[in-house]
Amino acid sequence: MEKFIYQLTLCKKQDMVYFSQLDLVRILERALRRTNLNVVFTQGFNPHIKMSFSQALKLGREGKIEVILYFLEKYNLKELKEIVSSQLPQGLDISEITYLER
């Protein structure tokens, strides 16, 4: 199976600033599971969605450029942004999605 890498730039604001990095990971994983997109999972006994985060923000800070990498199948960038944004809670917005070449 061929893998594609997408870079999501998120804005963390309003009440979302009081969620820790681990909470943010859980929120994003649940949002991606609800979208029914063909995401890549880790290998092993307890598979998780394969994703990588930039350095965590301090609790209580707004994050204007928090970058997250997802490893997904090939999707149209505009459609992907709409699908994922529809499942994210208020205060967590996608400002940009880009496809990263290998």
N, C-alpha and C. Protein backbone atom coordinates (compact mmCIF):
# COMPACT_ATOMS: atom_id res chain seq x y z
N MET A 1 0.84 -1.17 0.00
CA MET A 1 0.00 0.00 0.00
C MET A 1 0.89 1.25 0.00
N GLU A 2 0.63 2.13 -0.94
CA GLU A 2 1.40 3.38 -1.03
C GLU A 2 0.89 4.37 0.02
N LYS A 3 1.82 5.09 0.65
CA LYS A 3 1.47 6.05 1.69
C LYS A 3 1.75 7.46 1.21
N PHE A 4 0.91 8.39 1.64
CA PHE A 4 1.05 9.80 1.30
C PHE A 4 1.11 10.59 2.60
N ILE A 5 1.91 11.65 2.60
CA ILE A 5 2.11 12.45 3.81
C ILE A 5 1.46 13.82 3.62
N TYR A 6 0.62 14.20 4.57
CA TYR A 6 -0.04 15.49 4.55
C TYR A 6 0.36 16.27 5.79
N GLN A 7 0.59 17.55 5.61
CA GLN A 7 0.94 18.43 6.73
C GLN A 7 -0.25 19.33 7.01
N LEU A 8 -0.77 19.26 8.22
CA LEU A 8 -1.90 20.09 8.64
C LEU A 8 -1.40 21.18 9.57
N THR A 9 -1.80 22.40 9.30
CA THR A 9 -1.48 23.51 10.18
C THR A 9 -2.77 23.88 10.91
N LEU A 10 -2.74 23.77 12.22
CA LEU A 10 -3.93 24.01 13.03
C LEU A 10 -3.81 25.29 13.83
N CYS A 11 -4.97 25.87 14.13
CA CYS A 11 -5.05 26.99 15.06
C CYS A 11 -5.79 26.51 16.29
N LYS A 12 -5.12 26.54 17.43
CA LYS A 12 -5.71 26.12 18.71
C LYS A 12 -6.04 27.39 19.48
N LYS A 13 -7.34 27.63 19.72
CA LYS A 13 -7.76 28.87 20.37
C LYS A 13 -9.00 28.62 21.23
N GLN A 14 -9.53 29.66 21.80
CA GLN A 14 -10.70 29.64 22.69
C GLN A 14 -10.50 28.62 23.80
N ASP A 15 -11.48 27.78 24.07
CA ASP A 15 -11.39 26.80 25.16
C ASP A 15 -10.41 25.68 24.88
N MET A 16 -10.01 25.49 23.64
CA MET A 16 -9.08 24.41 23.29
C MET A 16 -7.69 24.65 23.89
N VAL A 17 -7.39 25.87 24.31
CA VAL A 17 -6.08 26.14 24.91
C VAL A 17 -5.91 25.43 26.25
N TYR A 18 -7.00 24.98 26.86
CA TYR A 18 -6.93 24.30 28.15
C TYR A 18 -6.83 22.78 28.01
N PHE A 19 -6.68 22.30 26.78
CA PHE A 19 -6.49 20.87 26.56
C PHE A 19 -5.00 20.59 26.40
N SER A 20 -4.54 19.52 27.03
CA SER A 20 -3.12 19.16 26.95
C SER A 20 -2.80 18.54 25.60
N GLN A 21 -1.53 18.27 25.36
CA GLN A 21 -1.10 17.64 24.11
C GLN A 21 -1.70 16.25 23.97
N LEU A 22 -1.74 15.49 25.06
CA LEU A 22 -2.33 14.14 25.00
C LEU A 22 -3.83 14.20 24.69
N ASP A 23 -4.52 15.19 25.25
CA ASP A 23 -5.94 15.37 24.93
C ASP A 23 -6.11 15.71 23.46
N LEU A 24 -5.24 16.55 22.95
CA LEU A 24 -5.30 16.94 21.54
C LEU A 24 -5.08 15.73 20.63
N VAL A 25 -4.17 14.85 21.00
CA VAL A 25 -3.92 13.63 20.23
C VAL A 25 -5.19 12.79 20.18
N ARG A 26 -5.84 12.61 21.33
CA ARG A 26 -7.07 11.82 21.38
C ARG A 26 -8.19 12.45 20.57
N ILE A 27 -8.33 13.77 20.66
CA ILE A 27 -9.37 14.49 19.92
C ILE A 27 -9.17 14.29 18.42
N LEU A 28 -7.93 14.45 17.95
CA LEU A 28 -7.66 14.31 16.52
C LEU A 28 -7.83 12.87 16.05
N GLU A 29 -7.43 11.92 16.86
CA GLU A 29 -7.59 10.51 16.47
C GLU A 29 -9.07 10.16 16.36
N ARG A 30 -9.87 10.60 17.30
CA ARG A 30 -11.32 10.34 17.24
C ARG A 30 -11.96 11.04 16.05
N ALA A 31 -11.53 12.27 15.77
CA ALA A 31 -12.08 12.99 14.62
C ALA A 31 -11.76 12.26 13.32
N LEU A 32 -10.53 11.77 13.19
CA LEU A 32 -10.15 11.03 11.98
C LEU A 32 -10.90 9.71 11.86
N ARG A 33 -11.13 9.04 12.97
CA ARG A 33 -11.90 7.78 12.92
C ARG A 33 -13.33 8.04 12.46
N ARG A 34 -13.92 9.17 12.88
CA ARG A 34 -15.29 9.49 12.48
C ARG A 34 -15.41 9.83 11.00
N THR A 35 -14.32 10.27 10.37
CA THR A 35 -14.37 10.65 8.96
C THR A 35 -14.42 9.45 8.03
N ASN A 36 -14.04 8.28 8.50
CA ASN A 36 -13.98 7.06 7.68
C ASN A 36 -13.00 7.19 6.51
N LEU A 37 -11.96 8.01 6.67
CA LEU A 37 -10.91 8.11 5.66
C LEU A 37 -9.98 6.92 5.78
N ASN A 38 -9.30 6.58 4.70
CA ASN A 38 -8.35 5.46 4.72
C ASN A 38 -7.01 5.93 5.28
N VAL A 39 -6.91 5.91 6.59
CA VAL A 39 -5.68 6.33 7.25
C VAL A 39 -4.78 5.12 7.45
N VAL A 40 -3.51 5.38 7.66
CA VAL A 40 -2.53 4.32 7.91
C VAL A 40 -2.43 4.12 9.42
N PHE A 41 -2.45 2.87 9.86
CA PHE A 41 -2.36 2.54 11.28
C PHE A 41 -0.98 1.98 11.60
N THR A 42 -0.57 2.12 12.85
CA THR A 42 0.69 1.55 13.30
C THR A 42 0.56 0.03 13.35
N GLN A 43 1.68 -0.66 13.32
CA GLN A 43 1.69 -2.12 13.41
C GLN A 43 1.64 -2.53 14.87
N GLY A 44 1.21 -3.74 15.12
CA GLY A 44 1.28 -4.27 16.47
C GLY A 44 -0.06 -4.65 17.05
N PHE A 45 -0.04 -4.96 18.34
CA PHE A 45 -1.21 -5.47 19.04
C PHE A 45 -2.30 -4.42 19.20
N ASN A 46 -1.92 -3.17 19.45
CA ASN A 46 -2.87 -2.09 19.69
C ASN A 46 -2.64 -0.97 18.67
N PRO A 47 -3.16 -1.11 17.44
CA PRO A 47 -2.86 -0.12 16.40
C PRO A 47 -3.52 1.24 16.66
N HIS A 48 -2.77 2.29 16.34
CA HIS A 48 -3.26 3.66 16.42
C HIS A 48 -3.05 4.31 15.05
N ILE A 49 -3.75 5.42 14.82
CA ILE A 49 -3.55 6.16 13.58
C ILE A 49 -2.13 6.71 13.59
N LYS A 50 -1.42 6.53 12.48
CA LYS A 50 -0.02 6.96 12.40
C LYS A 50 0.03 8.46 12.14
N MET A 51 0.54 9.22 13.12
CA MET A 51 0.66 10.67 13.00
C MET A 51 1.83 11.14 13.84
N SER A 52 2.33 12.32 13.50
CA SER A 52 3.48 12.88 14.19
C SER A 52 3.19 14.35 14.47
N PHE A 53 3.59 14.81 15.65
CA PHE A 53 3.30 16.18 16.08
C PHE A 53 4.56 17.00 16.20
N SER A 54 4.40 18.31 16.01
CA SER A 54 5.49 19.22 16.30
C SER A 54 5.58 19.37 17.81
N GLN A 55 6.47 20.20 18.27
CA GLN A 55 6.65 20.40 19.71
C GLN A 55 5.34 20.86 20.36
N ALA A 56 5.03 20.32 21.52
CA ALA A 56 3.77 20.63 22.21
C ALA A 56 3.76 22.07 22.71
N LEU A 57 2.57 22.66 22.67
CA LEU A 57 2.39 24.01 23.23
C LEU A 57 2.15 23.91 24.72
N LYS A 58 2.51 24.95 25.44
CA LYS A 58 2.24 25.00 26.87
C LYS A 58 0.73 25.13 27.08
N LEU A 59 0.26 24.60 28.19
CA LEU A 59 -1.15 24.66 28.51
C LEU A 59 -1.57 26.12 28.71
N GLY A 60 -2.68 26.50 28.10
CA GLY A 60 -3.17 27.86 28.21
C GLY A 60 -2.69 28.79 27.11
N ARG A 61 -1.87 28.30 26.19
CA ARG A 61 -1.35 29.12 25.09
C ARG A 61 -2.12 28.84 23.81
N GLU A 62 -2.40 29.91 23.05
CA GLU A 62 -2.99 29.72 21.73
C GLU A 62 -1.91 29.29 20.77
N GLY A 63 -2.26 28.37 19.90
CA GLY A 63 -1.31 27.90 18.90
C GLY A 63 -1.76 28.30 17.52
N LYS A 64 -1.06 29.24 16.95
CA LYS A 64 -1.45 29.71 15.63
C LYS A 64 -0.89 28.83 14.52
N ILE A 65 0.26 28.22 14.74
CA ILE A 65 0.85 27.36 13.72
C ILE A 65 1.34 26.08 14.39
N GLU A 66 0.42 25.22 14.72
CA GLU A 66 0.77 23.92 15.29
C GLU A 66 0.68 22.90 14.16
N VAL A 67 1.79 22.31 13.79
CA VAL A 67 1.86 21.46 12.60
C VAL A 67 1.74 20.00 13.00
N ILE A 68 0.90 19.28 12.28
CA ILE A 68 0.68 17.86 12.53
C ILE A 68 0.84 17.12 11.21
N LEU A 69 1.52 15.99 11.23
CA LEU A 69 1.69 15.19 10.02
C LEU A 69 0.79 13.97 10.08
N TYR A 70 0.04 13.74 9.01
CA TYR A 70 -0.80 12.55 8.90
C TYR A 70 -0.30 11.71 7.74
N PHE A 71 -0.41 10.43 7.86
CA PHE A 71 -0.03 9.51 6.80
C PHE A 71 -1.31 8.88 6.27
N LEU A 72 -1.79 9.38 5.13
CA LEU A 72 -3.09 8.98 4.60
C LEU A 72 -2.96 8.45 3.18
N GLU A 73 -4.07 7.99 2.65
CA GLU A 73 -4.16 7.68 1.23
C GLU A 73 -4.26 9.01 0.47
N LYS A 74 -4.23 8.97 -0.84
CA LYS A 74 -4.26 10.19 -1.66
C LYS A 74 -5.65 10.81 -1.65
N TYR A 75 -5.74 12.09 -1.30
CA TYR A 75 -7.01 12.82 -1.27
C TYR A 75 -6.82 14.21 -1.87
N ASN A 76 -7.93 14.78 -2.33
CA ASN A 76 -7.95 16.17 -2.78
C ASN A 76 -7.81 17.05 -1.54
N LEU A 77 -6.93 18.04 -1.58
CA LEU A 77 -6.63 18.86 -0.39
C LEU A 77 -7.85 19.62 0.11
N LYS A 78 -8.63 20.19 -0.81
CA LYS A 78 -9.79 20.97 -0.40
C LYS A 78 -10.85 20.08 0.25
N GLU A 79 -11.10 18.92 -0.35
CA GLU A 79 -12.08 17.99 0.22
C GLU A 79 -11.61 17.45 1.57
N LEU A 80 -10.33 17.15 1.68
CA LEU A 80 -9.77 16.64 2.93
C LEU A 80 -9.93 17.67 4.05
N LYS A 81 -9.68 18.93 3.74
CA LYS A 81 -9.82 19.99 4.74
C LYS A 81 -11.27 20.09 5.22
N GLU A 82 -12.22 20.02 4.29
CA GLU A 82 -13.64 20.11 4.65
C GLU A 82 -14.08 18.92 5.50
N ILE A 83 -13.64 17.72 5.11
CA ILE A 83 -14.05 16.50 5.82
C ILE A 83 -13.51 16.50 7.26
N VAL A 84 -12.23 16.79 7.41
CA VAL A 84 -11.62 16.76 8.75
C VAL A 84 -12.14 17.92 9.60
N SER A 85 -12.28 19.10 9.01
CA SER A 85 -12.77 20.27 9.76
C SER A 85 -14.17 20.04 10.32
N SER A 86 -14.99 19.30 9.59
CA SER A 86 -16.37 19.06 10.04
C SER A 86 -16.42 18.22 11.32
N GLN A 87 -15.35 17.47 11.61
CA GLN A 87 -15.33 16.60 12.79
C GLN A 87 -14.55 17.19 13.97
N LEU A 88 -13.89 18.32 13.76
CA LEU A 88 -13.10 18.93 14.84
C LEU A 88 -13.98 19.79 15.74
N PRO A 89 -13.67 19.87 17.02
CA PRO A 89 -14.45 20.71 17.93
C PRO A 89 -14.19 22.20 17.69
N GLN A 90 -15.10 23.01 18.22
CA GLN A 90 -14.95 24.46 18.10
C GLN A 90 -13.69 24.90 18.83
N GLY A 91 -12.92 25.77 18.20
CA GLY A 91 -11.67 26.23 18.79
C GLY A 91 -10.45 25.54 18.22
N LEU A 92 -10.66 24.54 17.38
CA LEU A 92 -9.57 23.84 16.71
C LEU A 92 -9.86 23.88 15.22
N ASP A 93 -9.14 24.75 14.50
CA ASP A 93 -9.41 24.99 13.09
C ASP A 93 -8.19 24.64 12.24
N ILE A 94 -8.44 24.13 11.05
CA ILE A 94 -7.36 23.84 10.10
C ILE A 94 -7.16 25.09 9.25
N SER A 95 -5.97 25.65 9.29
CA SER A 95 -5.70 26.83 8.47
C SER A 95 -5.10 26.45 7.12
N GLU A 96 -4.42 25.29 7.07
CA GLU A 96 -3.78 24.90 5.81
C GLU A 96 -3.49 23.40 5.80
N ILE A 97 -3.63 22.79 4.62
CA ILE A 97 -3.21 21.41 4.41
C ILE A 97 -2.33 21.39 3.18
N THR A 98 -1.18 20.76 3.29
CA THR A 98 -0.28 20.62 2.14
C THR A 98 0.14 19.16 2.00
N TYR A 99 0.43 18.78 0.77
CA TYR A 99 0.93 17.44 0.49
C TYR A 99 2.45 17.51 0.46
N LEU A 100 3.12 16.63 1.19
CA LEU A 100 4.58 16.62 1.24
C LEU A 100 5.11 15.54 0.32
N GLU A 101 6.03 15.93 -0.56
CA GLU A 101 6.68 14.97 -1.46
C GLU A 101 7.73 14.19 -0.69
N ARG A 102 7.95 12.98 -1.09
CA ARG A 102 8.99 12.16 -0.45
C ARG A 102 10.33 12.45 -1.06
